């Protein structure tokens, strides 16, 4: 949680729950995935995070935590090509956000962002925000092989404790620096969800936008209502409605994006102290929140409800989009475990009309196909060990 003191005055309208405005029903596939959350993973990751030390700007501990995060994502089956280090500087120090992108199957250019900060001050920050960090890791692990219609960005921010520097940089330099501006469906922030040892931690606070600009408040209200429903469908937790405040969703809120978030209901007294440790938390509560967050992300990103994802993963989650296309074709490398490949276009007569080698490829590469005749083509992506073919329509 940001160093600014969290307000204690609660809006009267936050008491109780919202009326449902979007029809949501229980989806067994979503529950099956959420139920694969692991208490052992949660506890082990919290223990490892704590052991990394005080993660302040300019420290070896902060860099070690970044490396730890990257290795975790790689161990779950993601590739280095899916990760981006977003660097920025403040107070004479260089810090990095870590952004992991999982490309959607239907709306690849529209993103559901799930985020939380990994830096800490004074202490190891095992609750604030190791708890949110391990929830992000567990959701990423569970969704790695699950196709979603919308793209997902898992973002681990730094610089939060000093004043939201990491998220502010990302919004100004990446979100608004993209042409056209990045299309964000919603931002789901997870900050300080560790609970309090010795207390009954059975309720999660769901946060919505009540500030300025007000033009995005109604949409945030709807999304948070959907989040509340997901918590009830895919976990045993109760929900408490509150307002968004002083965490990494705020730069997005100020940018007129739609936000929602999780925060612990029983608020820790150990925040920003040397006693913010696992012994003062409730890891079972974090496990339950991981289940709720997984179900919510499957809902928000429209995950496949089928039991089999064999075809999706057999092709390394590779996709070509937009398809049909009128001019530019994006090649998503998915989880292909190399970064050198060739791409070819074959027309319906079997003639190769285009071939190019791309070394050191990024996760998404773009080619201009406007010079080719309208029609159906076969796109062929090849590496030394793999050959993936997909139909492409040029209009």
Protein backbone atom coordinates (compact mmCIF):
# COMPACT_ATOMS: atom_id res chain seq x y z
CA UNK A 1 0.00 0.00 0.00
CA UNK A 2 1.25 3.51 -0.78
CA UNK A 3 2.72 5.46 2.13
CA UNK A 4 -0.16 7.92 2.11
CA UNK A 5 -2.39 7.14 5.06
CA UNK A 6 -5.41 5.10 4.03
CA UNK A 7 -8.62 6.96 4.76
CA UNK A 8 -10.74 5.46 7.51
CA UNK A 9 -13.99 7.20 6.67
CA UNK A 10 -16.14 4.83 4.62
CA UNK A 11 -18.85 5.99 2.29
CA UNK A 12 -22.31 5.00 3.48
CA UNK A 13 -23.13 3.79 0.02
CA UNK A 14 -20.27 1.28 0.30
CA UNK A 15 -22.06 -0.65 3.02
CA UNK A 16 -23.69 -3.76 1.65
CA UNK A 17 -23.46 -4.86 -1.96
CA UNK A 18 -24.41 -3.50 -5.35
CA UNK A 19 -27.33 -4.71 -7.37
CA UNK A 20 -26.27 -7.02 -10.16
CA UNK A 21 -26.22 -5.27 -13.51
CA UNK A 22 -24.46 -7.90 -15.59
CA UNK A 23 -25.77 -11.44 -15.82
CA UNK A 24 -23.16 -13.82 -14.43
CA UNK A 25 -23.54 -17.52 -13.91
CA UNK A 26 -21.33 -20.17 -12.41
CA UNK A 27 -18.99 -21.72 -15.00
CA UNK A 28 -17.65 -25.10 -13.98
CA UNK A 29 -14.48 -24.73 -16.05
CA UNK A 30 -13.63 -21.49 -14.25
CA UNK A 31 -14.12 -23.20 -10.90
CA UNK A 32 -12.00 -26.16 -11.99
CA UNK A 33 -9.10 -23.84 -12.80
CA UNK A 34 -9.51 -21.70 -9.67
CA UNK A 35 -9.59 -24.85 -7.52
CA UNK A 36 -6.11 -25.71 -8.80
CA UNK A 37 -4.70 -22.86 -6.72
CA UNK A 38 -2.07 -24.24 -4.37
CA UNK A 39 -1.69 -23.36 -0.71
CA UNK A 40 1.87 -24.73 -0.87
CA UNK A 41 2.70 -22.36 -3.75
CA UNK A 42 1.28 -19.38 -1.89
CA UNK A 43 3.13 -20.11 1.35
CA UNK A 44 6.41 -20.98 -0.39
CA UNK A 45 6.29 -17.85 -2.56
CA UNK A 46 5.55 -15.64 0.46
CA UNK A 47 8.49 -17.23 2.28
CA UNK A 48 10.81 -16.66 -0.69
CA UNK A 49 9.61 -13.08 -1.15
CA UNK A 50 10.25 -12.32 2.51
CA UNK A 51 13.76 -13.77 2.31
CA UNK A 52 14.67 -11.34 -0.48
CA UNK A 53 14.83 -8.48 2.03
CA UNK A 54 13.84 -4.82 1.95
CA UNK A 55 13.00 -3.98 -1.66
CA UNK A 56 13.65 -0.24 -1.82
CA UNK A 57 14.72 1.73 -4.87
CA UNK A 58 18.38 1.28 -5.75
CA UNK A 59 18.82 -1.87 -3.65
CA UNK A 60 20.17 -5.24 -4.65
CA UNK A 61 17.05 -6.72 -3.02
CA UNK A 62 14.78 -4.93 -5.50
CA UNK A 63 16.76 -6.25 -8.48
CA UNK A 64 16.87 -9.73 -6.96
CA UNK A 65 13.11 -9.65 -6.56
CA UNK A 66 12.69 -8.65 -10.21
CA UNK A 67 14.90 -11.58 -11.24
CA UNK A 68 12.95 -13.87 -8.92
CA UNK A 69 9.69 -12.81 -10.57
CA UNK A 70 11.05 -13.44 -14.07
CA UNK A 71 12.25 -16.91 -13.10
CA UNK A 72 8.87 -17.71 -11.59
CA UNK A 73 7.05 -16.77 -14.80
CA UNK A 74 9.53 -18.81 -16.86
CA UNK A 75 8.96 -21.82 -14.59
CA UNK A 76 5.22 -21.57 -15.31
CA UNK A 77 5.79 -21.94 -19.05
CA UNK A 78 5.96 -18.31 -20.17
CA UNK A 79 8.86 -17.18 -22.33
CA UNK A 80 11.33 -14.32 -22.09
CA UNK A 81 9.71 -12.88 -25.21
CA UNK A 82 6.45 -12.43 -23.34
CA UNK A 83 8.14 -10.31 -20.67
CA UNK A 84 9.20 -6.69 -20.91
CA UNK A 85 11.22 -4.66 -18.41
CA UNK A 86 9.82 -1.14 -18.30
CA UNK A 87 12.62 1.08 -16.95
CA UNK A 88 12.29 4.57 -15.49
CA UNK A 89 14.19 6.79 -13.05
CA UNK A 90 13.40 8.91 -10.02
CA UNK A 91 15.47 10.41 -7.19
CA UNK A 92 18.60 9.39 -9.06
CA UNK A 93 17.72 5.70 -9.15
CA UNK A 94 16.64 3.46 -12.03
CA UNK A 95 13.75 1.10 -11.31
CA UNK A 96 11.90 -1.41 -13.43
CA UNK A 97 8.34 -2.58 -13.86
CA UNK A 98 7.93 -6.13 -15.14
CA UNK A 99 5.19 -6.61 -17.74
CA UNK A 100 4.12 -10.09 -18.87
CA UNK A 101 1.72 -10.19 -21.83
CA UNK A 102 -0.53 -13.11 -22.73
CA UNK A 103 -2.15 -12.41 -26.12
CA UNK A 104 -5.89 -12.93 -26.50
CA UNK A 105 -7.48 -15.07 -29.18
CA UNK A 106 -10.31 -12.75 -30.27
CA UNK A 107 -9.41 -9.24 -29.05
CA UNK A 108 -5.58 -9.30 -29.01
CA UNK A 109 -5.30 -5.50 -28.96
CA UNK A 110 -7.57 -5.02 -25.93
CA UNK A 111 -6.07 -5.67 -22.51
CA UNK A 112 -7.21 -6.76 -19.09
CA UNK A 113 -4.49 -5.63 -16.69
CA UNK A 114 -3.93 -7.34 -13.35
CA UNK A 115 -1.27 -5.57 -11.30
CA UNK A 116 0.41 -5.10 -7.95
CA UNK A 117 3.67 -3.63 -6.65
CA UNK A 118 6.69 -5.65 -5.57
CA UNK A 119 8.71 -2.93 -3.80
CA UNK A 120 8.70 -2.33 -0.06
CA UNK A 121 9.99 0.20 2.48
CA UNK A 122 11.41 -0.27 6.00
CA UNK A 123 10.66 -4.00 6.12
CA UNK A 124 10.43 -6.92 3.73
CA UNK A 125 6.82 -6.01 2.90
CA UNK A 126 5.60 -9.60 3.02
CA UNK A 127 2.02 -8.40 3.28
CA UNK A 128 2.46 -5.01 1.59
CA UNK A 129 2.81 -6.18 -1.09
CA UNK A 130 4.25 -9.66 -1.15
CA UNK A 131 0.70 -10.89 -0.72
CA UNK A 132 -0.49 -9.20 -3.91
CA UNK A 133 2.67 -10.28 -5.71
CA UNK A 134 2.13 -13.98 -4.99
CA UNK A 135 -1.53 -13.72 -5.98
CA UNK A 136 -0.44 -12.36 -9.38
CA UNK A 137 2.03 -15.23 -9.70
CA UNK A 138 -0.60 -17.85 -8.88
CA UNK A 139 -3.14 -16.39 -11.30
CA UNK A 140 -0.46 -16.31 -14.01
CA UNK A 141 0.46 -19.92 -13.31
CA UNK A 142 -3.13 -21.09 -13.52
CA UNK A 143 -3.97 -19.16 -16.70
CA UNK A 144 -0.78 -19.91 -18.65
CA UNK A 145 -2.39 -22.66 -20.75
CA UNK A 146 -5.93 -21.21 -20.80
CA UNK A 147 -7.01 -19.31 -23.95
CA UNK A 148 -8.70 -15.97 -23.26
CA UNK A 149 -10.50 -13.79 -25.76
CA UNK A 150 -8.90 -10.61 -24.39
CA UNK A 151 -5.18 -10.14 -23.89
CA UNK A 152 -3.89 -10.09 -20.32
CA UNK A 153 -1.04 -8.02 -18.93
CA UNK A 154 0.37 -9.14 -15.58
CA UNK A 155 2.24 -6.08 -14.28
CA UNK A 156 4.56 -6.04 -11.27
CA UNK A 157 5.16 -2.38 -10.45
CA UNK A 158 8.08 -0.89 -8.55
CA UNK A 159 8.22 2.59 -7.01
CA UNK A 160 4.74 2.35 -5.50
CA UNK A 161 5.80 3.01 -1.93
CA UNK A 162 7.58 6.24 -2.88
CA UNK A 163 4.52 7.66 -4.63
CA UNK A 164 3.22 5.42 -7.45
CA UNK A 165 6.23 6.19 -9.65
CA UNK A 166 6.17 2.90 -11.54
CA UNK A 167 2.51 2.95 -12.48
CA UNK A 168 2.60 6.66 -13.30
CA UNK A 169 5.51 6.06 -15.66
CA UNK A 170 3.77 3.11 -17.29
CA UNK A 171 0.57 5.05 -17.93
CA UNK A 172 2.30 8.13 -19.32
CA UNK A 173 5.05 6.42 -21.31
CA UNK A 174 3.53 3.09 -22.38
CA UNK A 175 -0.28 3.35 -22.23
CA UNK A 176 -0.40 6.86 -23.67
CA UNK A 177 2.83 6.43 -25.61
CA UNK A 178 1.35 3.71 -27.79
CA UNK A 179 -0.10 4.71 -31.18
CA UNK A 180 -3.00 4.36 -31.10
CA UNK A 181 -3.30 4.63 -27.31
CA UNK A 182 -3.39 1.25 -25.59
CA UNK A 183 -6.93 -0.12 -25.42
CA UNK A 184 -7.55 -1.18 -21.81
CA UNK A 185 -10.74 -3.04 -20.88
CA UNK A 186 -10.07 -2.75 -17.14
CA UNK A 187 -7.34 -2.61 -14.50
CA UNK A 188 -7.53 -5.03 -11.54
CA UNK A 189 -5.11 -4.00 -8.77
CA UNK A 190 -4.15 -6.27 -5.87
CA UNK A 191 -2.47 -4.62 -2.90
CA UNK A 192 -2.05 -5.86 0.68
CA UNK A 193 -4.29 -8.91 0.86
CA UNK A 194 -2.48 -10.89 3.60
CA UNK A 195 -4.96 -10.52 6.42
CA UNK A 196 -4.05 -10.52 10.12
CA UNK A 197 -2.74 -13.55 12.00
CA UNK A 198 -5.11 -14.71 14.73
CA UNK A 199 -8.17 -13.01 13.27
CA UNK A 200 -11.02 -14.45 11.21
CA UNK A 201 -10.07 -13.33 7.71
CA UNK A 202 -13.10 -14.28 5.64
CA UNK A 203 -13.93 -11.06 3.79
CA UNK A 204 -12.17 -9.31 0.91
CA UNK A 205 -12.63 -5.61 0.22
CA UNK A 206 -13.58 -4.90 -3.40
CA UNK A 207 -12.64 -1.40 -4.49
CA UNK A 208 -14.29 0.84 -7.05
CA UNK A 209 -13.68 4.29 -8.48
CA UNK A 210 -15.52 7.13 -6.75
CA UNK A 211 -13.15 9.96 -7.65
CA UNK A 212 -12.40 12.33 -10.49
CA UNK A 213 -12.68 12.17 -13.40
CA UNK A 214 -16.21 10.92 -12.83
CA UNK A 215 -16.76 9.75 -16.41
CA UNK A 216 -15.30 6.31 -15.62
CA UNK A 217 -17.06 5.80 -12.29
CA UNK A 218 -20.15 4.05 -13.63
CA UNK A 219 -18.08 1.52 -15.57
CA UNK A 220 -15.90 0.89 -12.50
CA UNK A 221 -19.07 0.41 -10.47
CA UNK A 222 -20.23 -2.25 -12.93
CA UNK A 223 -16.87 -4.04 -13.06
CA UNK A 224 -16.55 -4.07 -9.28
CA UNK A 225 -20.04 -5.50 -9.06
CA UNK A 226 -18.89 -8.27 -11.41
CA UNK A 227 -15.81 -8.80 -9.22
CA UNK A 228 -18.03 -9.19 -6.16
CA UNK A 229 -20.08 -11.79 -7.99
CA UNK A 230 -16.94 -13.69 -9.04
CA UNK A 231 -15.70 -13.81 -5.44
CA UNK A 232 -18.96 -15.48 -4.44
CA UNK A 233 -18.90 -17.91 -7.36
CA UNK A 234 -15.29 -19.08 -7.13
CA UNK A 235 -14.27 -18.75 -3.48
CA UNK A 236 -15.67 -19.02 0.04
CA UNK A 237 -14.91 -15.39 0.85
CA UNK A 238 -17.44 -12.69 1.70
CA UNK A 239 -17.14 -9.25 0.11
CA UNK A 240 -17.11 -5.67 1.36
CA UNK A 241 -17.54 -2.76 -1.03
CA UNK A 242 -15.23 0.24 -0.61
CA UNK A 243 -13.52 2.94 -2.67
CA UNK A 244 -10.21 2.91 -4.55
CA UNK A 245 -7.39 4.82 -2.89
CA UNK A 246 -3.61 5.42 -3.05
CA UNK A 247 -2.40 2.39 -4.99
CA UNK A 248 -1.24 1.57 -8.50
CA UNK A 249 -4.67 1.77 -10.11
CA UNK A 250 -4.83 5.53 -9.42
CA UNK A 251 -2.68 6.68 -12.39
CA UNK A 252 -4.96 4.55 -14.58
CA UNK A 253 -8.03 6.09 -12.92
CA UNK A 254 -6.65 9.56 -13.60
CA UNK A 255 -6.17 8.48 -17.21
CA UNK A 256 -9.89 7.69 -17.45
CA UNK A 257 -9.41 3.90 -17.42
CA UNK A 258 -11.82 1.53 -15.69
CA UNK A 259 -10.42 0.23 -12.39
CA UNK A 260 -11.22 -2.21 -9.62
CA UNK A 261 -9.19 -3.82 -6.85
CA UNK A 262 -8.70 -6.12 -3.88
CA UNK A 263 -7.58 -5.03 -0.40
CA UNK A 264 -7.66 -6.90 2.90
CA UNK A 265 -10.71 -6.29 5.12
CA UNK A 266 -8.85 -6.76 8.40
CA UNK A 267 -6.13 -4.15 7.95
CA UNK A 268 -2.66 -4.99 9.20
CA UNK A 269 -0.98 -2.77 11.79
CA UNK A 270 2.45 -3.90 10.51
CA UNK A 271 2.39 -1.99 7.21
CA UNK A 272 5.70 -0.21 6.46
CA UNK A 273 7.45 -1.67 9.51
CA UNK A 274 10.10 -4.32 10.12
CA UNK A 275 7.34 -6.59 11.45
CA UNK A 276 5.50 -6.84 8.12
CA UNK A 277 6.27 -10.55 8.08
CA UNK A 278 4.60 -13.84 7.21
CA UNK A 279 4.20 -14.70 10.88
CA UNK A 280 1.81 -11.75 11.24
CA UNK A 281 -0.30 -12.73 8.19
CA UNK A 282 -2.83 -15.38 7.24
CA UNK A 283 -1.51 -17.35 4.20
CA UNK A 284 -4.75 -19.33 3.95
CA UNK A 285 -6.55 -16.05 3.31
CA UNK A 286 -4.10 -15.26 0.50
CA UNK A 287 -4.79 -18.70 -0.99
CA UNK A 288 -8.55 -18.03 -0.98
CA UNK A 289 -7.98 -14.65 -2.61
CA UNK A 290 -5.93 -16.37 -5.33
CA UNK A 291 -8.93 -18.53 -6.15
CA UNK A 292 -11.23 -15.51 -6.28
CA UNK A 293 -8.79 -13.53 -8.44
CA UNK A 294 -8.38 -16.45 -10.84
CA UNK A 295 -12.12 -16.79 -11.32
CA UNK A 296 -12.46 -13.04 -11.80
CA UNK A 297 -9.68 -12.88 -14.39
CA UNK A 298 -11.23 -15.74 -16.36
CA UNK A 299 -14.48 -13.80 -16.35
CA UNK A 300 -12.93 -10.43 -17.24
CA UNK A 301 -10.72 -11.80 -20.03
CA UNK A 302 -13.40 -14.25 -21.24
CA UNK A 303 -11.51 -17.49 -20.82
CA UNK A 304 -12.48 -20.59 -22.75
CA UNK A 305 -15.17 -22.57 -20.94
CA UNK A 306 -14.23 -25.84 -22.65
CA UNK A 307 -12.33 -28.60 -20.91
CA UNK A 308 -9.75 -29.09 -23.65
CA UNK A 309 -7.15 -26.53 -24.68
CA UNK A 310 -5.06 -29.00 -26.67
CA UNK A 311 -5.21 -27.14 -29.99
CA UNK A 312 -4.40 -23.81 -28.36
CA UNK A 313 -1.27 -25.11 -26.68
CA UNK A 314 -0.18 -27.54 -29.43
CA UNK A 315 0.68 -24.50 -31.59
CA UNK A 316 2.55 -22.72 -28.75
CA UNK A 317 -0.38 -20.26 -28.46
CA UNK A 318 0.78 -18.68 -31.73
CA UNK A 319 -1.68 -16.43 -33.55
CA UNK A 320 -1.86 -14.11 -36.57
CA UNK A 321 -4.07 -11.04 -36.25
CA UNK A 322 -6.13 -9.25 -37.36
CA UNK A 323 -7.50 -12.06 -39.47
CA UNK A 324 -8.98 -11.17 -41.94
CA UNK A 325 -6.58 -8.28 -42.51
CA UNK A 326 -6.51 -5.40 -44.98
CA UNK A 327 -2.96 -4.17 -44.56
CA UNK A 328 -0.85 -5.16 -41.59
CA UNK A 329 -0.55 -8.62 -40.07
CA UNK A 330 0.69 -9.16 -36.52
CA UNK A 331 2.53 -12.36 -35.71
CA UNK A 332 2.24 -13.39 -32.07
CA UNK A 333 5.03 -15.81 -31.12
CA UNK A 334 3.07 -17.10 -28.13
CA UNK A 335 5.23 -19.46 -26.09
CA UNK A 336 7.50 -20.54 -28.95
CA UNK A 337 10.78 -21.21 -27.09
CA UNK A 338 13.13 -19.51 -29.57
CA UNK A 339 13.49 -15.99 -30.96
CA UNK A 340 14.70 -16.69 -34.51
CA UNK A 341 12.21 -17.82 -37.13
CA UNK A 342 11.04 -17.47 -40.73
CA UNK A 343 7.56 -16.50 -41.83
CA UNK A 344 6.07 -17.37 -45.23
CA UNK A 345 2.83 -16.74 -47.09
CA UNK A 346 1.56 -19.44 -49.46
CA UNK A 347 -1.30 -18.66 -51.87
CA UNK A 348 -4.10 -21.09 -52.81
CA UNK A 349 -2.06 -22.29 -55.82
CA UNK A 350 0.70 -23.41 -53.46
CA UNK A 351 3.06 -20.60 -54.54
CA UNK A 352 5.22 -18.94 -51.90
CA UNK A 353 4.56 -15.21 -52.31
CA UNK A 354 6.48 -14.00 -49.27
CA UNK A 355 9.27 -15.25 -47.00
CA UNK A 356 11.39 -13.44 -44.46
CA UNK A 357 13.75 -14.37 -41.65
CA UNK A 358 13.36 -12.48 -38.40
CA UNK A 359 16.21 -12.80 -35.88
CA UNK A 360 15.86 -11.74 -32.25
CA UNK A 361 12.10 -11.50 -32.68
CA UNK A 362 9.88 -9.65 -30.24
CA UNK A 363 6.73 -11.30 -28.95
CA UNK A 364 4.71 -9.56 -31.66
CA UNK A 365 6.16 -8.73 -35.06
CA UNK A 366 4.25 -6.90 -37.81
CA UNK A 367 4.45 -7.27 -41.60
CA UNK A 368 2.76 -5.30 -44.39
CA UNK A 369 0.58 -7.56 -46.56
CA UNK A 370 -1.28 -4.79 -48.41
CA UNK A 371 0.63 -5.48 -51.64
CA UNK A 372 -0.74 -9.01 -51.93
CA UNK A 373 -3.93 -9.86 -53.80
CA UNK A 374 -7.11 -10.41 -51.87
CA UNK A 375 -7.73 -14.02 -51.00
CA UNK A 376 -6.95 -16.94 -48.72
CA UNK A 377 -3.34 -17.71 -47.81
CA UNK A 378 -1.47 -20.09 -45.59
CA UNK A 379 0.76 -18.43 -43.03
CA UNK A 380 3.77 -20.58 -42.11
CA UNK A 381 5.92 -19.89 -39.07
CA UNK A 382 9.06 -22.02 -38.90
CA UNK A 383 11.96 -22.51 -36.55
CA UNK A 384 14.58 -25.26 -36.57
CA UNK A 385 12.30 -27.61 -34.65
CA UNK A 386 8.75 -26.40 -35.28
CA UNK A 387 6.43 -25.53 -38.14
CA UNK A 388 3.06 -23.91 -37.46
CA UNK A 389 0.58 -23.16 -40.23
CA UNK A 390 -2.63 -21.13 -40.05
CA UNK A 391 -5.12 -19.79 -42.59
CA UNK A 392 -4.92 -16.05 -43.28
CA UNK A 393 -7.49 -13.99 -45.22
CA UNK A 394 -6.37 -10.79 -46.94
CA UNK A 395 -9.26 -8.50 -47.83
